[in-house]
């Protein structure tokens, strides 16, 4: 980029950031859903309270209820927009 003789920060501001914005926006859209999924899975295995524990409690007690996927699906749909 020396052939254009622009300063480093100007190059970043005018070229690099605009080129990276689509990937940044896509990451910001998918990260909340992935964060909730990871949180629930982590609570499945290591918690005595929380969303994952509450969803698995009926399964551990052999109670007939809706599958955890049906209970957690509205959270994912809400976060996905």
C-alpha atoms as a PDB file:
ATOM      1  CA  UNK A   1       0.000   0.000   0.000  1.00  0.00           C
ATOM      2  CA  UNK A   2       2.973   2.303  -0.028  1.00  0.00           C
ATOM      3  CA  UNK A   3       2.252   3.093  -3.654  1.00  0.00           C
ATOM      4  CA  UNK A   4      -0.874   4.956  -2.543  1.00  0.00           C
ATOM      5  CA  UNK A   5       1.134   6.885   0.077  1.00  0.00           C
ATOM      6  CA  UNK A   6      -1.663   6.931   2.644  1.00  0.00           C
ATOM      7  CA  UNK A   7      -1.039   6.653   6.375  1.00  0.00           C
ATOM      8  CA  UNK A   8      -1.616   3.334   8.104  1.00  0.00           C
ATOM      9  CA  UNK A   9      -4.667   4.477  10.097  1.00  0.00           C
ATOM     10  CA  UNK A  10      -6.271   6.013   7.018  1.00  0.00           C
ATOM     11  CA  UNK A  11      -5.818   2.714   5.152  1.00  0.00           C
ATOM     12  CA  UNK A  12      -7.405   0.802   8.025  1.00  0.00           C
ATOM     13  CA  UNK A  13     -10.305   3.242   8.231  1.00  0.00           C
ATOM     14  CA  UNK A  14     -11.036   3.333   4.508  1.00  0.00           C
ATOM     15  CA  UNK A  15     -10.149  -0.187   3.339  1.00  0.00           C
ATOM     16  CA  UNK A  16      -9.856  -2.771   6.096  1.00  0.00           C
ATOM     17  CA  UNK A  17     -12.850  -1.880   8.285  1.00  0.00           C
ATOM     18  CA  UNK A  18     -15.384  -1.615   5.421  1.00  0.00           C
ATOM     19  CA  UNK A  19     -14.148  -4.923   3.987  1.00  0.00           C
ATOM     20  CA  UNK A  20     -14.525  -6.639   7.373  1.00  0.00           C
ATOM     21  CA  UNK A  21     -17.999  -5.289   8.240  1.00  0.00           C
ATOM     22  CA  UNK A  22     -19.997  -8.153   6.650  1.00  0.00           C
ATOM     23  CA  UNK A  23     -18.114 -10.768   8.691  1.00  0.00           C
ATOM     24  CA  UNK A  24     -18.435  -8.679  11.845  1.00  0.00           C
ATOM     25  CA  UNK A  25     -22.195  -8.318  11.337  1.00  0.00           C
ATOM     26  CA  UNK A  26     -22.607 -12.053  10.695  1.00  0.00           C
ATOM     27  CA  UNK A  27     -20.689 -12.850  13.868  1.00  0.00           C
ATOM     28  CA  UNK A  28     -22.807 -10.466  15.899  1.00  0.00           C
ATOM     29  CA  UNK A  29     -25.953 -12.135  14.600  1.00  0.00           C
ATOM     30  CA  UNK A  30     -24.922 -15.719  15.364  1.00  0.00           C
ATOM     31  CA  UNK A  31     -23.071 -15.196  18.644  1.00  0.00           C
ATOM     32  CA  UNK A  32     -26.110 -14.734  20.960  1.00  0.00           C
ATOM     33  CA  UNK A  33     -27.683 -18.003  19.793  1.00  0.00           C
ATOM     34  CA  UNK A  34     -24.414 -19.893  20.155  1.00  0.00           C
ATOM     35  CA  UNK A  35     -23.863 -18.396  23.597  1.00  0.00           C
ATOM     36  CA  UNK A  36     -27.248 -19.659  24.798  1.00  0.00           C
ATOM     37  CA  UNK A  37     -26.650 -23.114  23.313  1.00  0.00           C
ATOM     38  CA  UNK A  38     -23.245 -23.382  24.982  1.00  0.00           C
ATOM     39  CA  UNK A  39     -24.665 -22.161  28.293  1.00  0.00           C
ATOM     40  CA  UNK A  40     -27.471 -24.739  28.266  1.00  0.00           C
ATOM     41  CA  UNK A  41     -25.145 -27.593  27.291  1.00  0.00           C
ATOM     42  CA  UNK A  42     -22.674 -26.621  30.009  1.00  0.00           C
ATOM     43  CA  UNK A  43     -25.465 -26.558  32.581  1.00  0.00           C
ATOM     44  CA  UNK A  44     -26.667 -29.993  31.422  1.00  0.00           C
ATOM     45  CA  UNK A  45     -23.478 -31.537  32.728  1.00  0.00           C
ATOM     46  CA  UNK A  46     -22.200 -29.398  35.559  1.00  0.00           C
ATOM     47  CA  UNK A  47     -24.962 -27.551  37.349  1.00  0.00           C
ATOM     48  CA  UNK A  48     -27.536 -28.048  40.056  1.00  0.00           C
ATOM     49  CA  UNK A  49     -29.534 -25.002  38.959  1.00  0.00           C
ATOM     50  CA  UNK A  50     -30.051 -22.986  35.800  1.00  0.00           C
ATOM     51  CA  UNK A  51     -31.716 -23.490  32.439  1.00  0.00           C
ATOM     52  CA  UNK A  52     -29.930 -26.715  31.518  1.00  0.00           C
ATOM     53  CA  UNK A  53     -30.610 -28.300  34.887  1.00  0.00           C
ATOM     54  CA  UNK A  54     -34.281 -27.313  34.785  1.00  0.00           C
ATOM     55  CA  UNK A  55     -34.656 -28.789  31.305  1.00  0.00           C
ATOM     56  CA  UNK A  56     -32.998 -32.087  32.282  1.00  0.00           C
ATOM     57  CA  UNK A  57     -34.627 -32.515  35.689  1.00  0.00           C
ATOM     58  CA  UNK A  58     -37.805 -34.217  34.324  1.00  0.00           C
ATOM     59  CA  UNK A  59     -35.693 -36.575  32.215  1.00  0.00           C
ATOM     60  CA  UNK A  60     -33.603 -37.614  35.224  1.00  0.00           C
ATOM     61  CA  UNK A  61     -36.781 -38.300  37.219  1.00  0.00           C
ATOM     62  CA  UNK A  62     -38.471 -40.201  34.341  1.00  0.00           C
ATOM     63  CA  UNK A  63     -41.365 -37.731  34.266  1.00  0.00           C
ATOM     64  CA  UNK A  64     -43.417 -37.375  31.113  1.00  0.00           C
ATOM     65  CA  UNK A  65     -42.970 -33.824  29.856  1.00  0.00           C
ATOM     66  CA  UNK A  66     -42.151 -32.033  26.655  1.00  0.00           C
ATOM     67  CA  UNK A  67     -38.646 -32.652  25.356  1.00  0.00           C
ATOM     68  CA  UNK A  68     -36.107 -30.010  26.365  1.00  0.00           C
ATOM     69  CA  UNK A  69     -35.725 -28.991  22.745  1.00  0.00           C
ATOM     70  CA  UNK A  70     -39.348 -27.833  22.648  1.00  0.00           C
ATOM     71  CA  UNK A  71     -38.875 -25.790  25.795  1.00  0.00           C
ATOM     72  CA  UNK A  72     -35.593 -24.189  24.651  1.00  0.00           C
ATOM     73  CA  UNK A  73     -36.623 -23.519  21.040  1.00  0.00           C
ATOM     74  CA  UNK A  74     -38.472 -20.241  21.767  1.00  0.00           C
ATOM     75  CA  UNK A  75     -35.321 -18.812  23.351  1.00  0.00           C
ATOM     76  CA  UNK A  76     -33.316 -19.529  20.205  1.00  0.00           C
ATOM     77  CA  UNK A  77     -36.043 -18.186  17.924  1.00  0.00           C
ATOM     78  CA  UNK A  78     -36.233 -14.979  19.942  1.00  0.00           C
ATOM     79  CA  UNK A  79     -32.494 -14.430  19.816  1.00  0.00           C
ATOM     80  CA  UNK A  80     -32.277 -15.160  16.100  1.00  0.00           C
ATOM     81  CA  UNK A  81     -34.805 -12.447  15.335  1.00  0.00           C
END
